[in-house]
């Protein structure tokens, strides 16, 4: 059985929608998933468009990452799951003081 994976992509400025930032992030993450033979599904391709990780807007209600965090906290991924991001700053740019508890929470469920 392969491990299910979720891809998360994000950008802060709605101006960036004109570029290829989401496409680039999704393609890289899909390649990583294929290399590791992780199971992808269309409903596990999450993105926050125009939501800052510096301010934490992507972790607030209404954000796709917020919903992922809530599912993790509820034990939805207890049987094994992988979160794939282009870089750690896709989920937070708030410094290690914020990121460490988040990663601890996500990996302890």
C-alpha atoms as a PDB file:
ATOM      1  CA  UNK A   1       0.000   0.000   0.000  1.00  0.00           C
ATOM      2  CA  UNK A   2       1.345   3.438  -0.893  1.00  0.00           C
ATOM      3  CA  UNK A   3       1.328   6.370   1.463  1.00  0.00           C
ATOM      4  CA  UNK A   4      -1.210   9.095   0.649  1.00  0.00           C
ATOM      5  CA  UNK A   5       0.205  12.557   0.052  1.00  0.00           C
ATOM      6  CA  UNK A   6      -1.152  16.084  -0.036  1.00  0.00           C
ATOM      7  CA  UNK A   7       0.484  18.826  -2.060  1.00  0.00           C
ATOM      8  CA  UNK A   8       0.271  22.368  -0.735  1.00  0.00           C
ATOM      9  CA  UNK A   9       1.183  25.407  -2.843  1.00  0.00           C
ATOM     10  CA  UNK A  10       0.834  29.068  -1.930  1.00  0.00           C
ATOM     11  CA  UNK A  11       1.609  32.576  -3.007  1.00  0.00           C
ATOM     12  CA  UNK A  12       1.054  35.874  -1.217  1.00  0.00           C
ATOM     13  CA  UNK A  13       0.259  38.441  -3.845  1.00  0.00           C
ATOM     14  CA  UNK A  14      -2.716  38.120  -6.174  1.00  0.00           C
ATOM     15  CA  UNK A  15      -0.448  39.735  -8.771  1.00  0.00           C
ATOM     16  CA  UNK A  16       1.455  36.422  -8.837  1.00  0.00           C
ATOM     17  CA  UNK A  17      -1.562  34.647 -10.330  1.00  0.00           C
ATOM     18  CA  UNK A  18      -0.408  36.020 -13.681  1.00  0.00           C
ATOM     19  CA  UNK A  19       2.786  33.968 -13.465  1.00  0.00           C
ATOM     20  CA  UNK A  20       3.457  30.262 -13.161  1.00  0.00           C
ATOM     21  CA  UNK A  21       4.141  29.983  -9.443  1.00  0.00           C
ATOM     22  CA  UNK A  22       1.353  27.477  -8.721  1.00  0.00           C
ATOM     23  CA  UNK A  23       2.186  25.393 -11.764  1.00  0.00           C
ATOM     24  CA  UNK A  24       5.872  25.330 -10.788  1.00  0.00           C
ATOM     25  CA  UNK A  25       5.116  24.335  -7.206  1.00  0.00           C
ATOM     26  CA  UNK A  26       2.630  21.618  -8.169  1.00  0.00           C
ATOM     27  CA  UNK A  27       4.934  20.134 -10.828  1.00  0.00           C
ATOM     28  CA  UNK A  28       7.885  19.929  -8.443  1.00  0.00           C
ATOM     29  CA  UNK A  29       5.775  18.349  -5.699  1.00  0.00           C
ATOM     30  CA  UNK A  30       4.229  15.857  -8.129  1.00  0.00           C
ATOM     31  CA  UNK A  31       7.731  14.795  -9.231  1.00  0.00           C
ATOM     32  CA  UNK A  32       8.713  14.240  -5.608  1.00  0.00           C
ATOM     33  CA  UNK A  33       5.573  12.179  -5.010  1.00  0.00           C
ATOM     34  CA  UNK A  34       6.269  10.009  -8.063  1.00  0.00           C
ATOM     35  CA  UNK A  35       9.897   9.466  -6.985  1.00  0.00           C
ATOM     36  CA  UNK A  36       8.722   8.187  -3.613  1.00  0.00           C
ATOM     37  CA  UNK A  37       5.652   6.419  -5.015  1.00  0.00           C
ATOM     38  CA  UNK A  38       3.326   8.379  -2.754  1.00  0.00           C
ATOM     39  CA  UNK A  39      -0.355   8.333  -3.666  1.00  0.00           C
ATOM     40  CA  UNK A  40      -1.753  11.592  -5.010  1.00  0.00           C
ATOM     41  CA  UNK A  41      -5.385  12.547  -5.546  1.00  0.00           C
ATOM     42  CA  UNK A  42      -6.915  15.654  -7.059  1.00  0.00           C
ATOM     43  CA  UNK A  43      -8.693  16.523  -3.792  1.00  0.00           C
ATOM     44  CA  UNK A  44      -5.311  16.561  -2.047  1.00  0.00           C
ATOM     45  CA  UNK A  45      -3.878  19.378  -4.191  1.00  0.00           C
ATOM     46  CA  UNK A  46      -4.316  22.398  -1.951  1.00  0.00           C
ATOM     47  CA  UNK A  47      -3.457  26.001  -2.643  1.00  0.00           C
ATOM     48  CA  UNK A  48      -3.806  29.373  -1.009  1.00  0.00           C
ATOM     49  CA  UNK A  49      -3.756  32.187  -3.505  1.00  0.00           C
ATOM     50  CA  UNK A  50      -3.075  35.652  -2.169  1.00  0.00           C
ATOM     51  CA  UNK A  51      -2.617  34.410   1.425  1.00  0.00           C
ATOM     52  CA  UNK A  52       0.546  35.463   3.154  1.00  0.00           C
ATOM     53  CA  UNK A  53       2.611  32.980   5.149  1.00  0.00           C
ATOM     54  CA  UNK A  54       4.476  35.908   6.712  1.00  0.00           C
ATOM     55  CA  UNK A  55       1.318  37.207   8.383  1.00  0.00           C
ATOM     56  CA  UNK A  56      -0.048  33.675   8.902  1.00  0.00           C
ATOM     57  CA  UNK A  57      -3.116  34.360   6.744  1.00  0.00           C
ATOM     58  CA  UNK A  58      -2.799  30.906   5.166  1.00  0.00           C
ATOM     59  CA  UNK A  59      -3.264  29.359   8.632  1.00  0.00           C
ATOM     60  CA  UNK A  60      -6.412  31.331   9.446  1.00  0.00           C
ATOM     61  CA  UNK A  61     -10.001  30.198   8.797  1.00  0.00           C
ATOM     62  CA  UNK A  62     -10.783  30.234   5.101  1.00  0.00           C
ATOM     63  CA  UNK A  63      -7.292  29.107   4.116  1.00  0.00           C
ATOM     64  CA  UNK A  64      -6.630  25.700   2.591  1.00  0.00           C
ATOM     65  CA  UNK A  65      -3.703  25.160   4.935  1.00  0.00           C
ATOM     66  CA  UNK A  66      -5.918  26.008   7.913  1.00  0.00           C
ATOM     67  CA  UNK A  67      -8.287  23.225   6.827  1.00  0.00           C
ATOM     68  CA  UNK A  68      -5.367  20.796   6.499  1.00  0.00           C
ATOM     69  CA  UNK A  69      -4.165  21.708   9.998  1.00  0.00           C
ATOM     70  CA  UNK A  70      -7.656  21.145  11.393  1.00  0.00           C
ATOM     71  CA  UNK A  71      -7.871  17.701   9.781  1.00  0.00           C
ATOM     72  CA  UNK A  72      -4.444  16.797  11.179  1.00  0.00           C
ATOM     73  CA  UNK A  73      -5.451  17.956  14.670  1.00  0.00           C
ATOM     74  CA  UNK A  74      -8.604  15.818  14.421  1.00  0.00           C
ATOM     75  CA  UNK A  75      -6.488  12.734  13.671  1.00  0.00           C
ATOM     76  CA  UNK A  76      -7.493  12.437  10.022  1.00  0.00           C
ATOM     77  CA  UNK A  77      -3.934  11.468   8.997  1.00  0.00           C
ATOM     78  CA  UNK A  78      -3.040   9.108  11.849  1.00  0.00           C
ATOM     79  CA  UNK A  79      -2.495   6.109   9.566  1.00  0.00           C
ATOM     80  CA  UNK A  80       0.298   7.876   7.689  1.00  0.00           C
ATOM     81  CA  UNK A  81       0.287  10.811   5.336  1.00  0.00           C
ATOM     82  CA  UNK A  82       2.833  13.038   3.600  1.00  0.00           C
ATOM     83  CA  UNK A  83       2.579  16.790   3.130  1.00  0.00           C
ATOM     84  CA  UNK A  84       4.640  17.954   0.157  1.00  0.00           C
ATOM     85  CA  UNK A  85       5.622  21.601  -0.250  1.00  0.00           C
ATOM     86  CA  UNK A  86       8.145  23.292  -2.523  1.00  0.00           C
ATOM     87  CA  UNK A  87       9.886  24.849   0.489  1.00  0.00           C
ATOM     88  CA  UNK A  88       9.061  25.246   4.170  1.00  0.00           C
ATOM     89  CA  UNK A  89       8.238  28.919   3.577  1.00  0.00           C
ATOM     90  CA  UNK A  90       5.140  27.827   1.681  1.00  0.00           C
ATOM     91  CA  UNK A  91       3.536  26.905   5.015  1.00  0.00           C
ATOM     92  CA  UNK A  92       5.066  29.629   7.193  1.00  0.00           C
ATOM     93  CA  UNK A  93       7.427  32.577   7.056  1.00  0.00           C
ATOM     94  CA  UNK A  94       6.874  33.507  10.677  1.00  0.00           C
ATOM     95  CA  UNK A  95      10.178  32.255  12.057  1.00  0.00           C
ATOM     96  CA  UNK A  96      11.171  29.108  13.858  1.00  0.00           C
ATOM     97  CA  UNK A  97       9.176  30.037  16.975  1.00  0.00           C
ATOM     98  CA  UNK A  98       5.967  29.573  14.979  1.00  0.00           C
ATOM     99  CA  UNK A  99       7.156  26.835  12.607  1.00  0.00           C
ATOM    100  CA  UNK A 100       8.544  24.416  15.192  1.00  0.00           C
ATOM    101  CA  UNK A 101       5.264  24.045  17.141  1.00  0.00           C
ATOM    102  CA  UNK A 102       3.377  23.721  13.843  1.00  0.00           C
ATOM    103  CA  UNK A 103       5.661  20.963  12.553  1.00  0.00           C
ATOM    104  CA  UNK A 104       5.569  19.242  15.928  1.00  0.00           C
ATOM    105  CA  UNK A 105       1.767  19.338  15.882  1.00  0.00           C
ATOM    106  CA  UNK A 106       1.559  18.034  12.319  1.00  0.00           C
ATOM    107  CA  UNK A 107       4.005  15.189  12.891  1.00  0.00           C
ATOM    108  CA  UNK A 108       2.671  14.046  16.248  1.00  0.00           C
ATOM    109  CA  UNK A 109      -0.865  13.321  15.090  1.00  0.00           C
END
